[in-house]
Amino acid sequence: MIDRTELWIVIAALGLGSFGLRFLFLGLVGDRPLPNWLLRHLRYTAVSIIPALLAPLVMWPAATGGTPDPLRLTAAGAALVAGLLTRNVIAAMAAGAAVMLAGAYWPV
């Protein structure tokens, strides 16, 4: 069991860290032009967040006790292929969802 004081210290530290990161970009650098190489890298930040959040759910799903599941791997592959072919995030999500639904209701 975690102590309430320790919990509030962690919450305050995370809040200060989050504020510090935002202040660094918005408060200190907000009125200055950023170099082109940094702007190019910042464009890919949002794109990299979704795979970083989904990869553990595909590779080590809690529903199977952390064992890779062929259905989830196939759905992730279908979403990847659909995303690469169509360059459309909705099509990629629909392809992955279709494989998951088909696998859930496919007679074995």
PDB file of N, CA and C in Angstrom:
ATOM      1  N   MET A   1       0.854  -1.183   0.000  1.00  0.00           N
ATOM      2  CA  MET A   1       0.000   0.000   0.000  1.00  0.00           C
ATOM      3  C   MET A   1       0.892   1.237   0.000  1.00  0.00           C
ATOM      4  N   ILE A   2       0.526   2.176  -0.798  1.00  0.00           N
ATOM      5  CA  ILE A   2       1.319   3.398  -0.915  1.00  0.00           C
ATOM      6  C   ILE A   2       0.820   4.428   0.111  1.00  0.00           C
ATOM      7  N   ASP A   3       1.751   5.130   0.691  1.00  0.00           N
ATOM      8  CA  ASP A   3       1.428   6.151   1.679  1.00  0.00           C
ATOM      9  C   ASP A   3       0.851   7.371   0.976  1.00  0.00           C
ATOM     10  N   ARG A   4      -0.136   8.023   1.584  1.00  0.00           N
ATOM     11  CA  ARG A   4      -0.773   9.193   0.970  1.00  0.00           C
ATOM     12  C   ARG A   4       0.215  10.326   0.745  1.00  0.00           C
ATOM     13  N   THR A   5       1.131  10.525   1.672  1.00  0.00           N
ATOM     14  CA  THR A   5       2.131  11.585   1.513  1.00  0.00           C
ATOM     15  C   THR A   5       3.012  11.301   0.306  1.00  0.00           C
ATOM     16  N   GLU A   6       3.433  10.059   0.172  1.00  0.00           N
ATOM     17  CA  GLU A   6       4.261   9.684  -0.978  1.00  0.00           C
ATOM     18  C   GLU A   6       3.488   9.876  -2.287  1.00  0.00           C
ATOM     19  N   LEU A   7       2.218   9.531  -2.287  1.00  0.00           N
ATOM     20  CA  LEU A   7       1.376   9.708  -3.465  1.00  0.00           C
ATOM     21  C   LEU A   7       1.303  11.173  -3.870  1.00  0.00           C
ATOM     22  N   TRP A   8       1.073  12.065  -2.912  1.00  0.00           N
ATOM     23  CA  TRP A   8       0.959  13.481  -3.221  1.00  0.00           C
ATOM     24  C   TRP A   8       2.301  14.072  -3.655  1.00  0.00           C
ATOM     25  N   ILE A   9       3.393  13.558  -3.129  1.00  0.00           N
ATOM     26  CA  ILE A   9       4.712  14.011  -3.582  1.00  0.00           C
ATOM     27  C   ILE A   9       4.928  13.617  -5.039  1.00  0.00           C
ATOM     28  N   VAL A  10       4.543  12.395  -5.400  1.00  0.00           N
ATOM     29  CA  VAL A  10       4.681  11.948  -6.785  1.00  0.00           C
ATOM     30  C   VAL A  10       3.785  12.779  -7.702  1.00  0.00           C
ATOM     31  N   ILE A  11       2.546  13.041  -7.288  1.00  0.00           N
ATOM     32  CA  ILE A  11       1.631  13.845  -8.101  1.00  0.00           C
ATOM     33  C   ILE A  11       2.188  15.252  -8.294  1.00  0.00           C
ATOM     34  N   ALA A  12       2.688  15.857  -7.241  1.00  0.00           N
ATOM     35  CA  ALA A  12       3.254  17.208  -7.344  1.00  0.00           C
ATOM     36  C   ALA A  12       4.495  17.219  -8.236  1.00  0.00           C
ATOM     37  N   ALA A  13       5.350  16.208  -8.105  1.00  0.00           N
ATOM     38  CA  ALA A  13       6.554  16.142  -8.932  1.00  0.00           C
ATOM     39  C   ALA A  13       6.201  15.967 -10.406  1.00  0.00           C
ATOM     40  N   LEU A  14       5.225  15.124 -10.696  1.00  0.00           N
ATOM     41  CA  LEU A  14       4.796  14.949 -12.084  1.00  0.00           C
ATOM     42  C   LEU A  14       4.174  16.224 -12.632  1.00  0.00           C
ATOM     43  N   GLY A  15       3.399  16.915 -11.821  1.00  0.00           N
ATOM     44  CA  GLY A  15       2.818  18.189 -12.248  1.00  0.00           C
ATOM     45  C   GLY A  15       3.877  19.238 -12.533  1.00  0.00           C
ATOM     46  N   LEU A  16       4.869  19.329 -11.665  1.00  0.00           N
ATOM     47  CA  LEU A  16       5.951  20.293 -11.893  1.00  0.00           C
ATOM     48  C   LEU A  16       6.781  19.922 -13.123  1.00  0.00           C
ATOM     49  N   GLY A  17       7.024  18.649 -13.320  1.00  0.00           N
ATOM     50  CA  GLY A  17       7.753  18.213 -14.508  1.00  0.00           C
ATOM     51  C   GLY A  17       6.996  18.516 -15.788  1.00  0.00           C
ATOM     52  N   SER A  18       5.697  18.266 -15.780  1.00  0.00           N
ATOM     53  CA  SER A  18       4.870  18.566 -16.944  1.00  0.00           C
ATOM     54  C   SER A  18       4.841  20.068 -17.223  1.00  0.00           C
ATOM     55  N   PHE A  19       4.679  20.863 -16.166  1.00  0.00           N
ATOM     56  CA  PHE A  19       4.701  22.312 -16.328  1.00  0.00           C
ATOM     57  C   PHE A  19       6.052  22.772 -16.858  1.00  0.00           C
ATOM     58  N   GLY A  20       7.141  22.204 -16.332  1.00  0.00           N
ATOM     59  CA  GLY A  20       8.477  22.600 -16.771  1.00  0.00           C
ATOM     60  C   GLY A  20       8.709  22.330 -18.246  1.00  0.00           C
ATOM     61  N   LEU A  21       8.267  21.167 -18.725  1.00  0.00           N
ATOM     62  CA  LEU A  21       8.427  20.864 -20.150  1.00  0.00           C
ATOM     63  C   LEU A  21       7.618  21.814 -21.019  1.00  0.00           C
ATOM     64  N   ARG A  22       6.395  22.089 -20.622  1.00  0.00           N
ATOM     65  CA  ARG A  22       5.564  23.008 -21.407  1.00  0.00           C
ATOM     66  C   ARG A  22       6.130  24.427 -21.357  1.00  0.00           C
ATOM     67  N   PHE A  23       6.596  24.848 -20.197  1.00  0.00           N
ATOM     68  CA  PHE A  23       7.144  26.194 -20.073  1.00  0.00           C
ATOM     69  C   PHE A  23       8.404  26.352 -20.912  1.00  0.00           C
ATOM     70  N   LEU A  24       9.186  25.288 -21.008  1.00  0.00           N
ATOM     71  CA  LEU A  24      10.406  25.354 -21.805  1.00  0.00           C
ATOM     72  C   LEU A  24      10.086  25.702 -23.255  1.00  0.00           C
ATOM     73  N   PHE A  25       9.067  25.048 -23.825  1.00  0.00           N
ATOM     74  CA  PHE A  25       8.738  25.312 -25.223  1.00  0.00           C
ATOM     75  C   PHE A  25       7.874  26.550 -25.400  1.00  0.00           C
ATOM     76  N   LEU A  26       6.898  26.752 -24.536  1.00  0.00           N
ATOM     77  CA  LEU A  26       5.974  27.866 -24.729  1.00  0.00           C
ATOM     78  C   LEU A  26       6.465  29.159 -24.090  1.00  0.00           C
ATOM     79  N   GLY A  27       7.060  29.074 -22.930  1.00  0.00           N
ATOM     80  CA  GLY A  27       7.474  30.281 -22.223  1.00  0.00           C
ATOM     81  C   GLY A  27       8.814  30.817 -22.663  1.00  0.00           C
ATOM     82  N   LEU A  28       9.781  29.954 -22.798  1.00  0.00           N
ATOM     83  CA  LEU A  28      11.127  30.412 -23.119  1.00  0.00           C
ATOM     84  C   LEU A  28      11.394  30.489 -24.619  1.00  0.00           C
ATOM     85  N   VAL A  29      10.837  29.548 -25.390  1.00  0.00           N
ATOM     86  CA  VAL A  29      11.140  29.476 -26.808  1.00  0.00           C
ATOM     87  C   VAL A  29       9.949  29.895 -27.661  1.00  0.00           C
ATOM     88  N   GLY A  30       8.811  30.171 -27.054  1.00  0.00           N
ATOM     89  CA  GLY A  30       7.578  30.421 -27.788  1.00  0.00           C
ATOM     90  C   GLY A  30       7.620  31.573 -28.763  1.00  0.00           C
ATOM     91  N   ASP A  31       8.399  32.616 -28.487  1.00  0.00           N
ATOM     92  CA  ASP A  31       8.406  33.776 -29.381  1.00  0.00           C
ATOM     93  C   ASP A  31       9.589  33.777 -30.341  1.00  0.00           C
ATOM     94  N   ARG A  32      10.391  32.743 -30.338  1.00  0.00           N
ATOM     95  CA  ARG A  32      11.556  32.649 -31.227  1.00  0.00           C
ATOM     96  C   ARG A  32      11.299  31.614 -32.315  1.00  0.00           C
ATOM     97  N   PRO A  33      11.829  31.838 -33.491  1.00  0.00           N
ATOM     98  CA  PRO A  33      11.680  30.812 -34.544  1.00  0.00           C
ATOM     99  C   PRO A  33      12.556  29.598 -34.238  1.00  0.00           C
ATOM    100  N   LEU A  34      11.997  28.430 -34.435  1.00  0.00           N
ATOM    101  CA  LEU A  34      12.738  27.191 -34.201  1.00  0.00           C
ATOM    102  C   LEU A  34      13.461  26.782 -35.484  1.00  0.00           C
ATOM    103  N   PRO A  35      14.608  26.119 -35.354  1.00  0.00           N
ATOM    104  CA  PRO A  35      15.328  25.672 -36.549  1.00  0.00           C
ATOM    105  C   PRO A  35      14.505  24.647 -37.342  1.00  0.00           C
ATOM    106  N   ASN A  36      14.744  24.603 -38.638  1.00  0.00           N
ATOM    107  CA  ASN A  36      13.978  23.701 -39.511  1.00  0.00           C
ATOM    108  C   ASN A  36      14.150  22.236 -39.125  1.00  0.00           C
ATOM    109  N   TRP A  37      15.354  21.831 -38.706  1.00  0.00           N
ATOM    110  CA  TRP A  37      15.560  20.426 -38.356  1.00  0.00           C
ATOM    111  C   TRP A  37      14.726  20.041 -37.148  1.00  0.00           C
ATOM    112  N   LEU A  38      14.540  20.967 -36.190  1.00  0.00           N
ATOM    113  CA  LEU A  38      13.726  20.677 -35.006  1.00  0.00           C
ATOM    114  C   LEU A  38      12.243  20.623 -35.372  1.00  0.00           C
ATOM    115  N   LEU A  39      11.801  21.538 -36.220  1.00  0.00           N
ATOM    116  CA  LEU A  39      10.408  21.517 -36.664  1.00  0.00           C
ATOM    117  C   LEU A  39      10.082  20.222 -37.401  1.00  0.00           C
ATOM    118  N   ARG A  40      11.017  19.749 -38.224  1.00  0.00           N
ATOM    119  CA  ARG A  40      10.813  18.503 -38.955  1.00  0.00           C
ATOM    120  C   ARG A  40      10.670  17.331 -37.977  1.00  0.00           C
ATOM    121  N   HIS A  41      11.478  17.308 -36.939  1.00  0.00           N
ATOM    122  CA  HIS A  41      11.385  16.227 -35.951  1.00  0.00           C
ATOM    123  C   HIS A  41      10.115  16.323 -35.113  1.00  0.00           C
ATOM    124  N   LEU A  42       9.693  17.514 -34.795  1.00  0.00           N
ATOM    125  CA  LEU A  42       8.486  17.680 -33.981  1.00  0.00           C
ATOM    126  C   LEU A  42       7.231  17.248 -34.731  1.00  0.00           C
ATOM    127  N   ARG A  43       7.252  17.294 -36.062  1.00  0.00           N
ATOM    128  CA  ARG A  43       6.096  16.852 -36.841  1.00  0.00           C
ATOM    129  C   ARG A  43       5.814  15.373 -36.641  1.00  0.00           C
ATOM    130  N   TYR A  44       6.842  14.594 -36.357  1.00  0.00           N
ATOM    131  CA  TYR A  44       6.675  13.149 -36.222  1.00  0.00           C
ATOM    132  C   TYR A  44       6.373  12.706 -34.791  1.00  0.00           C
ATOM    133  N   THR A  45       6.307  13.619 -33.869  1.00  0.00           N
ATOM    134  CA  THR A  45       6.062  13.251 -32.477  1.00  0.00           C
ATOM    135  C   THR A  45       4.690  12.624 -32.303  1.00  0.00           C
ATOM    136  N   ALA A  46       3.657  13.245 -32.838  1.00  0.00           N
ATOM    137  CA  ALA A  46       2.302  12.708 -32.679  1.00  0.00           C
ATOM    138  C   ALA A  46       2.153  11.361 -33.378  1.00  0.00           C
ATOM    139  N   VAL A  47       2.816  11.199 -34.515  1.00  0.00           N
ATOM    140  CA  VAL A  47       2.729   9.947 -35.264  1.00  0.00           C
ATOM    141  C   VAL A  47       3.386   8.806 -34.502  1.00  0.00           C
ATOM    142  N   SER A  48       4.382   9.100 -33.715  1.00  0.00           N
ATOM    143  CA  SER A  48       5.087   8.044 -32.998  1.00  0.00           C
ATOM    144  C   SER A  48       4.411   7.653 -31.685  1.00  0.00           C
ATOM    145  N   ILE A  49       3.496   8.462 -31.209  1.00  0.00           N
ATOM    146  CA  ILE A  49       2.841   8.170 -29.933  1.00  0.00           C
ATOM    147  C   ILE A  49       1.920   6.947 -30.037  1.00  0.00           C
ATOM    148  N   ILE A  50       1.123   6.860 -31.094  1.00  0.00           N
ATOM    149  CA  ILE A  50       0.162   5.762 -31.212  1.00  0.00           C
ATOM    150  C   ILE A  50       0.865   4.402 -31.273  1.00  0.00           C
ATOM    151  N   PRO A  51       1.885   4.207 -32.131  1.00  0.00           N
ATOM    152  CA  PRO A  51       2.567   2.905 -32.095  1.00  0.00           C
ATOM    153  C   PRO A  51       3.223   2.607 -30.745  1.00  0.00           C
ATOM    154  N   ALA A  52       3.726   3.629 -30.084  1.00  0.00           N
ATOM    155  CA  ALA A  52       4.355   3.399 -28.780  1.00  0.00           C
ATOM    156  C   ALA A  52       3.338   2.946 -27.743  1.00  0.00           C
ATOM    157  N   LEU A  53       2.114   3.420 -27.843  1.00  0.00           N
ATOM    158  CA  LEU A  53       1.071   2.992 -26.913  1.00  0.00           C
ATOM    159  C   LEU A  53       0.504   1.619 -27.274  1.00  0.00           C
ATOM    160  N   LEU A  54       0.440   1.306 -28.578  1.00  0.00           N
ATOM    161  CA  LEU A  54      -0.204   0.073 -29.004  1.00  0.00           C
ATOM    162  C   LEU A  54       0.726  -1.138 -29.046  1.00  0.00           C
ATOM    163  N   ALA A  55       2.003  -0.937 -29.230  1.00  0.00           N
ATOM    164  CA  ALA A  55       2.925  -2.072 -29.356  1.00  0.00           C
ATOM    165  C   ALA A  55       2.881  -3.011 -28.148  1.00  0.00           C
ATOM    166  N   PRO A  56       2.902  -2.513 -26.914  1.00  0.00           N
ATOM    167  CA  PRO A  56       2.800  -3.457 -25.782  1.00  0.00           C
ATOM    168  C   PRO A  56       1.468  -4.191 -25.737  1.00  0.00           C
ATOM    169  N   LEU A  57       0.392  -3.546 -26.200  1.00  0.00           N
ATOM    170  CA  LEU A  57      -0.913  -4.211 -26.198  1.00  0.00           C
ATOM    171  C   LEU A  57      -0.986  -5.318 -27.238  1.00  0.00           C
ATOM    172  N   VAL A  58      -0.199  -5.199 -28.297  1.00  0.00           N
ATOM    173  CA  VAL A  58      -0.172  -6.227 -29.333  1.00  0.00           C
ATOM    174  C   VAL A  58       0.796  -7.345 -28.953  1.00  0.00           C
ATOM    175  N   MET A  59       1.961  -6.983 -28.482  1.00  0.00           N
ATOM    176  CA  MET A  59       2.993  -7.982 -28.203  1.00  0.00           C
ATOM    177  C   MET A  59       2.780  -8.731 -26.883  1.00  0.00           C
ATOM    178  N   TRP A  60       2.308  -8.033 -25.863  1.00  0.00           N
ATOM    179  CA  TRP A  60       2.121  -8.642 -24.539  1.00  0.00           C
ATOM    180  C   TRP A  60       0.731  -8.305 -23.998  1.00  0.00           C
ATOM    181  N   PRO A  61      -0.340  -8.818 -24.623  1.00  0.00           N
ATOM    182  CA  PRO A  61      -1.691  -8.452 -24.176  1.00  0.00           C
ATOM    183  C   PRO A  61      -2.020  -9.044 -22.809  1.00  0.00           C
ATOM    184  N   ALA A  62      -2.666  -8.251 -22.004  1.00  0.00           N
ATOM    185  CA  ALA A  62      -3.056  -8.706 -20.666  1.00  0.00           C
ATOM    186  C   ALA A  62      -4.109  -9.808 -20.744  1.00  0.00           C
ATOM    187  N   ALA A  63      -4.915  -9.817 -21.808  1.00  0.00           N
ATOM    188  CA  ALA A  63      -5.977 -10.817 -21.934  1.00  0.00           C
ATOM    189  C   ALA A  63      -5.420 -12.232 -22.070  1.00  0.00           C
ATOM    190  N   THR A  64      -4.192 -12.362 -22.570  1.00  0.00           N
ATOM    191  CA  THR A  64      -3.601 -13.692 -22.727  1.00  0.00           C
ATOM    192  C   THR A  64      -2.494 -13.938 -21.714  1.00  0.00           C
ATOM    193  N   GLY A  65      -2.398 -13.102 -20.719  1.00  0.00           N
ATOM    194  CA  GLY A  65      -1.370 -13.267 -19.697  1.00  0.00           C
ATOM    195  C   GLY A  65       0.022 -12.874 -20.169  1.00  0.00           C
ATOM    196  N   GLY A  66       0.091 -12.012 -21.165  1.00  0.00           N
ATOM    197  CA  GLY A  66       1.374 -11.548 -21.663  1.00  0.00           C
ATOM    198  C   GLY A  66       1.959 -12.387 -22.784  1.00  0.00           C
ATOM    199  N   THR A  67       1.231 -13.398 -23.219  1.00  0.00           N
ATOM    200  CA  THR A  67       1.682 -14.246 -24.322  1.00  0.00           C
ATOM    201  C   THR A  67       1.206 -13.645 -25.645  1.00  0.00           C
ATOM    202  N   PRO A  68       2.085 -13.532 -26.640  1.00  0.00           N
ATOM    203  CA  PRO A  68       1.641 -13.000 -27.941  1.00  0.00           C
ATOM    204  C   PRO A  68       0.509 -13.834 -28.529  1.00  0.00           C
ATOM    205  N   ASP A  69      -0.459 -13.171 -29.079  1.00  0.00           N
ATOM    206  CA  ASP A  69      -1.658 -13.795 -29.618  1.00  0.00           C
ATOM    207  C   ASP A  69      -1.634 -13.669 -31.141  1.00  0.00           C
ATOM    208  N   PRO A  70      -1.766 -14.776 -31.874  1.00  0.00           N
ATOM    209  CA  PRO A  70      -1.737 -14.696 -33.340  1.00  0.00           C
ATOM    210  C   PRO A  70      -2.815 -13.779 -33.923  1.00  0.00           C
ATOM    211  N   LEU A  71      -3.980 -13.739 -33.311  1.00  0.00           N
ATOM    212  CA  LEU A  71      -5.047 -12.879 -33.814  1.00  0.00           C
ATOM    213  C   LEU A  71      -4.670 -11.405 -33.699  1.00  0.00           C
ATOM    214  N   ARG A  72      -4.127 -11.005 -32.581  1.00  0.00           N
ATOM    215  CA  ARG A  72      -3.721  -9.607 -32.412  1.00  0.00           C
ATOM    216  C   ARG A  72      -2.565  -9.245 -33.341  1.00  0.00           C
ATOM    217  N   LEU A  73      -1.630 -10.171 -33.525  1.00  0.00           N
ATOM    218  CA  LEU A  73      -0.517  -9.915 -34.440  1.00  0.00           C
ATOM    219  C   LEU A  73      -1.010  -9.789 -35.876  1.00  0.00           C
ATOM    220  N   THR A  74      -1.972 -10.621 -36.257  1.00  0.00           N
ATOM    221  CA  THR A  74      -2.541 -10.547 -37.606  1.00  0.00           C
ATOM    222  C   THR A  74      -3.302  -9.241 -37.793  1.00  0.00           C
ATOM    223  N   ALA A  75      -4.062  -8.837 -36.788  1.00  0.00           N
ATOM    224  CA  ALA A  75      -4.806  -7.578 -36.875  1.00  0.00           C
ATOM    225  C   ALA A  75      -3.854  -6.387 -36.975  1.00  0.00           C
ATOM    226  N   ALA A  76      -2.773  -6.419 -36.219  1.00  0.00           N
ATOM    227  CA  ALA A  76      -1.786  -5.340 -36.293  1.00  0.00           C
ATOM    228  C   ALA A  76      -1.132  -5.317 -37.664  1.00  0.00           C
ATOM    229  N   GLY A  77      -0.831  -6.484 -38.219  1.00  0.00           N
ATOM    230  CA  GLY A  77      -0.258  -6.544 -39.560  1.00  0.00           C
ATOM    231  C   GLY A  77      -1.217  -6.024 -40.616  1.00  0.00           C
ATOM    232  N   ALA A  78      -2.497  -6.385 -40.493  1.00  0.00           N
ATOM    233  CA  ALA A  78      -3.497  -5.890 -41.442  1.00  0.00           C
ATOM    234  C   ALA A  78      -3.637  -4.372 -41.340  1.00  0.00           C
ATOM    235  N   ALA A  79      -3.619  -3.855 -40.132  1.00  0.00           N
ATOM    236  CA  ALA A  79      -3.707  -2.399 -39.951  1.00  0.00           C
ATOM    237  C   ALA A  79      -2.485  -1.711 -40.541  1.00  0.00           C
ATOM    238  N   LEU A  80      -1.317  -2.303 -40.357  1.00  0.00           N
ATOM    239  CA  LEU A  80      -0.092  -1.731 -40.912  1.00  0.00           C
ATOM    240  C   LEU A  80      -0.139  -1.704 -42.437  1.00  0.00           C
ATOM    241  N   VAL A  81      -0.534  -2.819 -43.037  1.00  0.00           N
ATOM    242  CA  VAL A  81      -0.599  -2.889 -44.501  1.00  0.00           C
ATOM    243  C   VAL A  81      -1.648  -1.912 -45.037  1.00  0.00           C
ATOM    244  N   ALA A  82      -2.819  -1.874 -44.410  1.00  0.00           N
ATOM    245  CA  ALA A  82      -3.862  -0.949 -44.860  1.00  0.00           C
ATOM    246  C   ALA A  82      -3.412   0.498 -44.713  1.00  0.00           C
ATOM    247  N   GLY A  83      -2.724   0.793 -43.638  1.00  0.00           N
ATOM    248  CA  GLY A  83      -2.231   2.160 -43.443  1.00  0.00           C
ATOM    249  C   GLY A  83      -1.181   2.544 -44.459  1.00  0.00           C
ATOM    250  N   LEU A  84      -0.285   1.619 -44.774  1.00  0.00           N
ATOM    251  CA  LEU A  84       0.753   1.909 -45.773  1.00  0.00           C
ATOM    252  C   LEU A  84       0.165   2.060 -47.174  1.00  0.00           C
ATOM    253  N   LEU A  85      -0.823   1.231 -47.501  1.00  0.00           N
ATOM    254  CA  LEU A  85      -1.407   1.290 -48.840  1.00  0.00           C
ATOM    255  C   LEU A  85      -2.316   2.494 -49.037  1.00  0.00           C
ATOM    256  N   THR A  86      -3.114   2.818 -48.038  1.00  0.00           N
ATOM    257  CA  THR A  86      -4.100   3.886 -48.203  1.00  0.00           C
ATOM    258  C   THR A  86      -3.652   5.233 -47.651  1.00  0.00           C
ATOM    259  N   ARG A  87      -2.661   5.224 -46.766  1.00  0.00           N
ATOM    260  CA  ARG A  87      -2.230   6.452 -46.073  1.00  0.00           C
ATOM    261  C   ARG A  87      -3.410   7.096 -45.338  1.00  0.00           C
ATOM    262  N   ASN A  88      -4.279   6.244 -44.797  1.00  0.00           N
ATOM    263  CA  ASN A  88      -5.481   6.709 -44.110  1.00  0.00           C
ATOM    264  C   ASN A  88      -5.580   5.987 -42.774  1.00  0.00           C
ATOM    265  N   VAL A  89      -5.582   6.744 -41.692  1.00  0.00           N
ATOM    266  CA  VAL A  89      -5.595   6.149 -40.361  1.00  0.00           C
ATOM    267  C   VAL A  89      -6.918   5.444 -40.074  1.00  0.00           C
ATOM    268  N   ILE A  90      -8.015   5.966 -40.603  1.00  0.00           N
ATOM    269  CA  ILE A  90      -9.321   5.332 -40.381  1.00  0.00           C
ATOM    270  C   ILE A  90      -9.364   3.976 -41.080  1.00  0.00           C
ATOM    271  N   ALA A  91      -8.828   3.899 -42.291  1.00  0.00           N
ATOM    272  CA  ALA A  91      -8.792   2.620 -43.010  1.00  0.00           C
ATOM    273  C   ALA A  91      -7.923   1.610 -42.269  1.00  0.00           C
ATOM    274  N   ALA A  92      -6.818   2.061 -41.702  1.00  0.00           N
ATOM    275  CA  ALA A  92      -5.948   1.162 -40.944  1.00  0.00           C
ATOM    276  C   ALA A  92      -6.664   0.635 -39.706  1.00  0.00           C
ATOM    277  N   MET A  93      -7.337   1.513 -38.974  1.00  0.00           N
ATOM    278  CA  MET A  93      -8.070   1.066 -37.782  1.00  0.00           C
ATOM    279  C   MET A  93      -9.214   0.133 -38.159  1.00  0.00           C
ATOM    280  N   ALA A  94      -9.901   0.425 -39.268  1.00  0.00           N
ATOM    281  CA  ALA A  94     -11.002  -0.435 -39.711  1.00  0.00           C
ATOM    282  C   ALA A  94     -10.495  -1.811 -40.116  1.00  0.00           C
ATOM    283  N   ALA A  95      -9.342  -1.864 -40.776  1.00  0.00           N
ATOM    284  CA  ALA A  95      -8.788  -3.160 -41.163  1.00  0.00           C
ATOM    285  C   ALA A  95      -8.417  -3.986 -39.936  1.00  0.00           C
ATOM    286  N   GLY A  96      -7.776  -3.370 -38.972  1.00  0.00           N
ATOM    287  CA  GLY A  96      -7.439  -4.080 -37.742  1.00  0.00           C
ATOM    288  C   GLY A  96      -8.669  -4.547 -36.988  1.00  0.00           C
ATOM    289  N   ALA A  97      -9.672  -3.689 -36.908  1.00  0.00           N
ATOM    290  CA  ALA A  97     -10.913  -4.052 -36.217  1.00  0.00           C
ATOM    291  C   ALA A  97     -11.637  -5.173 -36.950  1.00  0.00           C
ATOM    292  N   ALA A  98     -11.627  -5.134 -38.288  1.00  0.00           N
ATOM    293  CA  ALA A  98     -12.287  -6.193 -39.064  1.00  0.00           C
ATOM    294  C   ALA A  98     -11.622  -7.541 -38.827  1.00  0.00           C
ATOM    295  N   VAL A  99     -10.301  -7.563 -38.771  1.00  0.00           N
ATOM    296  CA  VAL A  99      -9.595  -8.822 -38.506  1.00  0.00           C
ATOM    297  C   VAL A  99      -9.902  -9.315 -37.094  1.00  0.00           C
ATOM    298  N   MET A 100      -9.932  -8.413 -36.125  1.00  0.00           N
ATOM    299  CA  MET A 100     -10.252  -8.828 -34.749  1.00  0.00           C
ATOM    300  C   MET A 100     -11.677  -9.382 -34.655  1.00  0.00           C
ATOM    301  N   LEU A 101     -12.634  -8.710 -35.307  1.00  0.00           N
ATOM    302  CA  LEU A 101     -14.012  -9.194 -35.277  1.00  0.00           C
ATOM    303  C   LEU A 101     -14.146 -10.517 -36.009  1.00  0.00           C
ATOM    304  N   ALA A 102     -13.507 -10.635 -37.171  1.00  0.00           N
ATOM    305  CA  ALA A 102     -13.581 -11.882 -37.924  1.00  0.00           C
ATOM    306  C   ALA A 102     -12.952 -13.023 -37.125  1.00  0.00           C
ATOM    307  N   GLY A 103     -11.851 -12.752 -36.458  1.00  0.00           N
ATOM    308  CA  GLY A 103     -11.193 -13.787 -35.656  1.00  0.00           C
ATOM    309  C   GLY A 103     -11.996 -14.185 -34.440  1.00  0.00           C
ATOM    310  N   ALA A 104     -12.735 -13.235 -33.880  1.00  0.00           N
ATOM    311  CA  ALA A 104     -13.527 -13.530 -32.686  1.00  0.00           C
ATOM    312  C   ALA A 104     -14.744 -14.400 -33.026  1.00  0.00           C
ATOM    313  N   TYR A 105     -15.304 -14.220 -34.233  1.00  0.00           N
ATOM    314  CA  TYR A 105     -16.513 -14.941 -34.582  1.00  0.00           C
ATOM    315  C   TYR A 105     -16.275 -16.048 -35.603  1.00  0.00           C
ATOM    316  N   TRP A 106     -15.036 -16.256 -36.025  1.00  0.00           N
ATOM    317  CA  TRP A 106     -14.731 -17.301 -36.997  1.00  0.00           C
ATOM    318  C   TRP A 106     -14.856 -18.665 -36.322  1.00  0.00           C
ATOM    319  N   PRO A 107     -15.563 -19.598 -36.941  1.00  0.00           N
ATOM    320  CA  PRO A 107     -15.688 -20.919 -36.308  1.00  0.00           C
ATOM    321  C   PRO A 107     -14.356 -21.663 -36.333  1.00  0.00           C
ATOM    322  N   VAL A 108     -13.985 -22.184 -35.184  1.00  0.00           N
ATOM    323  CA  VAL A 108     -12.705 -22.892 -35.077  1.00  0.00           C
ATOM    324  C   VAL A 108     -12.930 -24.377 -35.005  1.00  0.00           C
TER     325      VAL A 108
END
